Amino acid sequence: MTKRYLSLLLILVTISSYPYDNVGHRIISEVAYRNMTKKACKQTDKILGVKGIVYESSWADEIRSDENYKYSYQWHYQNLKDGMNQTDLKALIENPTKEGEHLFYAIDLMIKRLKKDKADAEALKFLVHFIGDLHQPMHLGRVEDLGGNRVKINWFGRNTNIHSVWDGQITDSRKLSYSEYADFVEDKFSSNKKKYTTYNMLASVEETYMLRNEVYAWDAGNTNNYHYLYKFTDDLDLLFYRAGIYLSVVLNDIYR
């Protein structure tokens, strides 16, 4: 393995693993906490502190500066090919190490760890974070552009990329705190809660993947960012809600 290849691999692992910012992860975890059973809330509070799943939701990002957790860098993303169908996605979810140990593998591993030891605080913090990452379209992005990091876009006069836009810049446009944003998406989508509680990992991935394809189809040279917000902000709102509900379903099952 050449030094050049190793350098490229390191870039791929690190650059394409930037997830939702802290606000995004807290929105998702706040929605989850509100929809968890009393038993699940009580048990997760005992492990991480009161509402610890909210306050520790960005822990998996914070530890990236710790060499002891270097192995987890590639767990934040699952690079997917274009043109995948439900059968393709299902096969990869069911065999999550087929293309390396990435996001699908990490979620599966943390669920297994928690079912074996419900008090595994590290696994709980990882799981909370990774389910958020699962609902960020660019964490299911193309390997060749590092999950959108190489797709440049001018965002209100500043040069950036579509991965960064989806990490936090669309979220920032709402000008809401994480708790206000959680209120907002709950009010907006709670009438469909029953539908989203039936989603398994495949359904969650499939919907996020379809949105990922729409994001890639957008003309990055279109400098009218208000059009972009009009097109995608509602989609981001739904991602936050779906992620929160899916996280609550997973944790309710573990801590039943």
Protein backbone atom coordinates (compact mmCIF):
# COMPACT_ATOMS: atom_id res chain seq x y z
CA MET A 1 0.00 0.00 0.00
CA THR A 2 1.61 3.28 -1.11
CA LYS A 3 1.99 6.41 0.99
CA ARG A 4 -0.18 8.26 -1.53
CA TYR A 5 -2.98 5.73 -1.12
CA LEU A 6 -2.73 5.89 2.65
CA SER A 7 -2.97 9.67 2.55
CA LEU A 8 -6.05 9.50 0.33
CA LEU A 9 -7.65 6.95 2.65
CA LEU A 10 -7.01 9.17 5.67
CA ILE A 11 -8.61 12.12 3.90
CA LEU A 12 -11.62 9.99 3.02
CA VAL A 13 -12.04 8.77 6.58
CA THR A 14 -11.72 12.18 8.21
CA ILE A 15 -13.20 14.69 5.77
CA SER A 16 -16.25 12.67 4.83
CA SER A 17 -17.11 11.98 8.47
CA TYR A 18 -18.27 15.45 9.49
CA PRO A 19 -21.83 14.96 10.72
CA TYR A 20 -24.71 17.20 11.72
CA ASP A 21 -23.45 19.94 14.01
CA ASN A 22 -24.24 19.87 17.72
CA VAL A 23 -27.59 21.57 17.22
CA GLY A 24 -28.75 18.98 14.70
CA HIS A 25 -27.84 16.07 16.95
CA ARG A 26 -29.54 17.70 19.92
CA ILE A 27 -32.73 18.28 17.93
CA ILE A 28 -32.85 14.60 17.01
CA SER A 29 -32.09 13.41 20.54
CA GLU A 30 -34.61 15.81 22.06
CA VAL A 31 -37.34 14.50 19.76
CA ALA A 32 -36.31 10.95 20.68
CA TYR A 33 -36.37 11.63 24.41
CA ARG A 34 -39.88 13.08 24.20
CA ASN A 35 -41.10 9.94 22.43
CA MET A 36 -39.36 7.33 24.56
CA THR A 37 -41.18 5.29 27.16
CA LYS A 38 -40.82 6.27 30.79
CA LYS A 39 -38.85 3.10 31.37
CA ALA A 40 -36.42 3.86 28.54
CA CYS A 41 -35.98 7.46 29.73
CA LYS A 42 -35.33 6.33 33.28
CA GLN A 43 -32.74 3.76 32.24
CA THR A 44 -30.86 6.04 29.84
CA ASP A 45 -30.93 8.84 32.44
CA LYS A 46 -29.35 6.46 34.92
CA ILE A 47 -26.52 5.74 32.48
CA LEU A 48 -25.82 9.22 31.05
CA GLY A 49 -27.57 11.56 33.49
CA VAL A 50 -30.92 13.31 33.10
CA LYS A 51 -31.53 13.84 29.37
CA GLY A 52 -28.01 12.60 28.83
CA ILE A 53 -28.85 11.29 25.38
CA VAL A 54 -29.41 14.94 24.38
CA TYR A 55 -26.37 16.45 26.08
CA GLU A 56 -24.03 13.64 25.00
CA SER A 57 -25.33 13.42 21.43
CA SER A 58 -22.22 15.10 19.98
CA TRP A 59 -19.75 13.11 22.09
CA ALA A 60 -18.82 10.90 19.12
CA ASP A 61 -17.57 14.02 17.30
CA GLU A 62 -15.69 15.39 20.28
CA ILE A 63 -13.59 12.24 20.68
CA ARG A 64 -12.23 12.46 17.15
CA SER A 65 -9.32 14.43 18.56
CA ASP A 66 -8.48 11.44 20.78
CA GLU A 67 -6.11 8.97 19.11
CA ASN A 68 -7.63 6.20 21.22
CA TYR A 69 -10.83 6.53 19.17
CA LYS A 70 -9.22 6.79 15.77
CA TYR A 71 -10.82 3.47 14.82
CA SER A 72 -14.26 5.11 14.97
CA TYR A 73 -13.66 7.85 12.38
CA GLN A 74 -15.00 5.79 9.50
CA TRP A 75 -18.10 4.81 11.46
CA HIS A 76 -19.74 8.19 10.80
CA TYR A 77 -20.56 7.56 7.13
CA GLN A 78 -21.63 4.94 4.62
CA ASN A 79 -20.62 5.85 1.09
CA LEU A 80 -23.30 4.58 -1.28
CA LYS A 81 -23.20 4.16 -5.03
CA ASP A 82 -25.64 5.88 -7.35
CA GLY A 83 -28.57 3.88 -8.70
CA MET A 84 -29.02 1.55 -5.73
CA ASN A 85 -32.46 0.03 -5.22
CA GLN A 86 -34.18 -1.36 -2.15
CA THR A 87 -32.70 -4.81 -2.71
CA ASP A 88 -29.18 -3.36 -2.90
CA LEU A 89 -29.64 -1.32 0.26
CA LYS A 90 -31.16 -4.27 2.12
CA ALA A 91 -28.23 -6.50 1.17
CA LEU A 92 -25.73 -3.96 2.47
CA ILE A 93 -27.62 -3.44 5.73
CA GLU A 94 -27.79 -7.19 6.29
CA ASN A 95 -24.09 -7.58 5.48
CA PRO A 96 -22.76 -4.30 6.88
CA THR A 97 -19.05 -5.15 6.56
CA LYS A 98 -19.32 -5.92 2.84
CA GLU A 99 -17.77 -2.55 1.97
CA GLY A 100 -15.79 -2.02 5.17
CA GLU A 101 -16.73 -1.12 8.73
CA HIS A 102 -18.75 2.04 8.31
CA LEU A 103 -22.04 3.52 9.55
CA PHE A 104 -24.31 0.51 9.00
CA TYR A 105 -21.79 -1.71 10.79
CA ALA A 106 -21.41 0.74 13.67
CA ILE A 107 -25.14 1.01 14.32
CA ASP A 108 -25.54 -2.75 14.24
CA LEU A 109 -22.56 -3.18 16.56
CA MET A 110 -23.81 -0.65 19.13
CA ILE A 111 -27.28 -2.18 19.23
CA LYS A 112 -25.74 -5.61 19.83
CA ARG A 113 -23.48 -4.21 22.55
CA LEU A 114 -26.40 -2.56 24.32
CA LYS A 115 -28.58 -5.64 24.13
CA LYS A 116 -25.73 -7.54 25.78
CA ASP A 117 -25.02 -4.82 28.37
CA LYS A 118 -27.69 -2.14 28.75
CA ALA A 119 -25.34 -0.06 30.92
CA ASP A 120 -22.72 0.30 28.17
CA ALA A 121 -22.47 4.11 28.22
CA GLU A 122 -20.00 4.30 25.34
CA ALA A 123 -22.21 2.22 23.05
CA LEU A 124 -25.25 4.31 23.98
CA LYS A 125 -23.50 7.58 23.14
CA PHE A 126 -22.23 6.18 19.86
CA LEU A 127 -25.66 4.85 18.91
CA VAL A 128 -27.45 8.13 19.63
CA HIS A 129 -24.98 9.96 17.42
CA PHE A 130 -24.84 7.47 14.57
CA ILE A 131 -28.60 7.30 14.14
CA GLY A 132 -28.43 11.05 13.65
CA ASP A 133 -25.69 10.60 11.03
CA LEU A 134 -27.84 7.99 9.28
CA HIS A 135 -30.35 10.74 8.52
CA GLN A 136 -27.83 13.20 7.06
CA PRO A 137 -28.01 12.66 3.27
CA MET A 138 -24.34 13.40 2.68
CA HIS A 139 -23.35 10.66 5.12
CA LEU A 140 -24.73 8.34 2.48
CA GLY A 141 -22.86 10.23 -0.24
CA ARG A 142 -20.52 9.25 -3.03
CA VAL A 143 -17.06 7.96 -2.22
CA GLU A 144 -15.50 9.90 -5.10
CA ASP A 145 -16.55 13.32 -3.75
CA LEU A 146 -16.09 12.42 -0.07
CA GLY A 147 -19.77 12.65 0.76
CA GLY A 148 -20.26 16.02 -0.93
CA ASN A 149 -17.15 17.64 0.52
CA ARG A 150 -15.78 18.15 -2.99
CA VAL A 151 -19.03 19.55 -4.39
CA LYS A 152 -18.48 23.27 -4.06
CA ILE A 153 -21.29 25.76 -3.56
CA ASN A 154 -21.47 29.46 -2.84
CA TRP A 155 -23.62 29.89 0.25
CA PHE A 156 -24.77 33.47 0.76
CA GLY A 157 -21.45 34.86 -0.44
CA ARG A 158 -19.21 32.26 1.19
CA ASN A 159 -17.52 29.39 -0.62
CA THR A 160 -18.35 26.06 1.00
CA ASN A 161 -19.59 22.59 -0.03
CA ILE A 162 -22.89 20.74 0.10
CA HIS A 163 -21.76 18.53 2.97
CA SER A 164 -21.26 21.60 5.17
CA VAL A 165 -24.56 23.07 4.02
CA TRP A 166 -26.37 19.95 5.21
CA ASP A 167 -24.33 19.70 8.40
CA GLY A 168 -25.63 22.94 9.83
CA GLN A 169 -26.11 25.85 7.49
CA ILE A 170 -29.67 24.98 6.51
CA THR A 171 -30.41 24.38 10.18
CA ASP A 172 -28.99 27.79 11.09
CA SER A 173 -31.37 29.46 8.65
CA ARG A 174 -34.28 28.63 10.99
CA LYS A 175 -32.73 30.73 13.78
CA LEU A 176 -34.10 28.37 16.42
CA SER A 177 -32.48 26.78 19.48
CA TYR A 178 -32.38 22.99 19.48
CA SER A 179 -35.34 22.80 21.87
CA GLU A 180 -37.36 25.29 19.81
CA TYR A 181 -36.54 23.33 16.67
CA ALA A 182 -37.63 20.11 18.36
CA ASP A 183 -40.93 21.81 19.30
CA PHE A 184 -41.28 22.95 15.71
CA VAL A 185 -40.80 19.55 14.05
CA GLU A 186 -42.98 17.84 16.64
CA ASP A 187 -45.80 20.28 15.90
CA LYS A 188 -45.21 19.94 12.17
CA PHE A 189 -45.06 16.16 11.86
CA SER A 190 -46.58 14.55 14.97
CA SER A 191 -49.78 13.72 13.07
CA ASN A 192 -47.65 11.22 11.12
CA LYS A 193 -45.90 9.76 14.15
CA LYS A 194 -47.68 6.42 13.83
CA LYS A 195 -46.33 6.02 10.30
CA TYR A 196 -42.74 6.78 11.25
CA THR A 197 -42.74 4.49 14.28
CA THR A 198 -43.14 1.59 11.84
CA TYR A 199 -39.90 2.43 10.04
CA ASN A 200 -37.03 0.00 10.36
CA MET A 201 -33.46 0.73 9.33
CA LEU A 202 -34.11 -0.14 5.69
CA ALA A 203 -37.04 2.26 5.41
CA SER A 204 -35.01 4.99 7.13
CA VAL A 205 -32.01 4.49 4.84
CA GLU A 206 -34.16 4.26 1.72
CA GLU A 207 -35.86 7.62 2.33
CA THR A 208 -32.61 9.35 3.22
CA TYR A 209 -30.96 7.85 0.15
CA MET A 210 -33.73 9.16 -2.12
CA LEU A 211 -33.23 12.64 -0.71
CA ARG A 212 -29.46 12.24 -1.13
CA ASN A 213 -30.08 11.66 -4.83
CA GLU A 214 -32.16 14.84 -5.06
CA VAL A 215 -29.39 16.80 -3.35
CA TYR A 216 -26.86 15.56 -5.89
CA ALA A 217 -29.25 16.37 -8.76
CA TRP A 218 -29.41 20.03 -7.73
CA ASP A 219 -27.33 22.40 -9.84
CA ALA A 220 -24.56 23.44 -7.44
CA GLY A 221 -23.85 26.38 -9.74
CA ASN A 222 -27.25 27.89 -8.94
CA THR A 223 -26.27 30.76 -6.65
CA ASN A 224 -29.82 31.57 -5.54
CA ASN A 225 -29.57 30.06 -2.07
CA TYR A 226 -33.13 31.07 -1.22
CA HIS A 227 -34.29 28.63 -3.91
CA TYR A 228 -32.17 25.96 -2.24
CA LEU A 229 -33.72 26.67 1.15
CA TYR A 230 -37.21 26.64 -0.35
CA LYS A 231 -36.46 23.29 -2.00
CA PHE A 232 -34.82 21.47 0.91
CA THR A 233 -35.61 23.03 4.31
CA ASP A 234 -38.84 21.06 4.74
CA ASP A 235 -36.92 17.90 3.88
CA LEU A 236 -34.37 18.65 6.59
CA ASP A 237 -37.15 19.26 9.10
CA LEU A 238 -38.59 15.84 8.32
CA LEU A 239 -35.16 14.21 8.59
CA PHE A 240 -34.78 15.57 12.11
CA TYR A 241 -38.22 14.28 13.08
CA ARG A 242 -37.78 10.88 11.46
CA ALA A 243 -34.36 10.46 13.04
CA GLY A 244 -35.75 11.31 16.47
CA ILE A 245 -38.65 8.91 16.14
CA TYR A 246 -36.41 6.13 14.84
CA LEU A 247 -33.97 6.66 17.71
CA SER A 248 -36.84 6.47 20.19
CA VAL A 249 -38.05 3.22 18.62
CA VAL A 250 -34.57 1.67 18.83
CA LEU A 251 -34.02 2.75 22.44
CA ASN A 252 -37.52 1.70 23.51
CA ASP A 253 -36.78 -1.75 22.13
CA ILE A 254 -33.42 -1.99 23.94
CA TYR A 255 -34.74 -0.66 27.27
CA ARG A 256 -38.14 -2.32 27.33
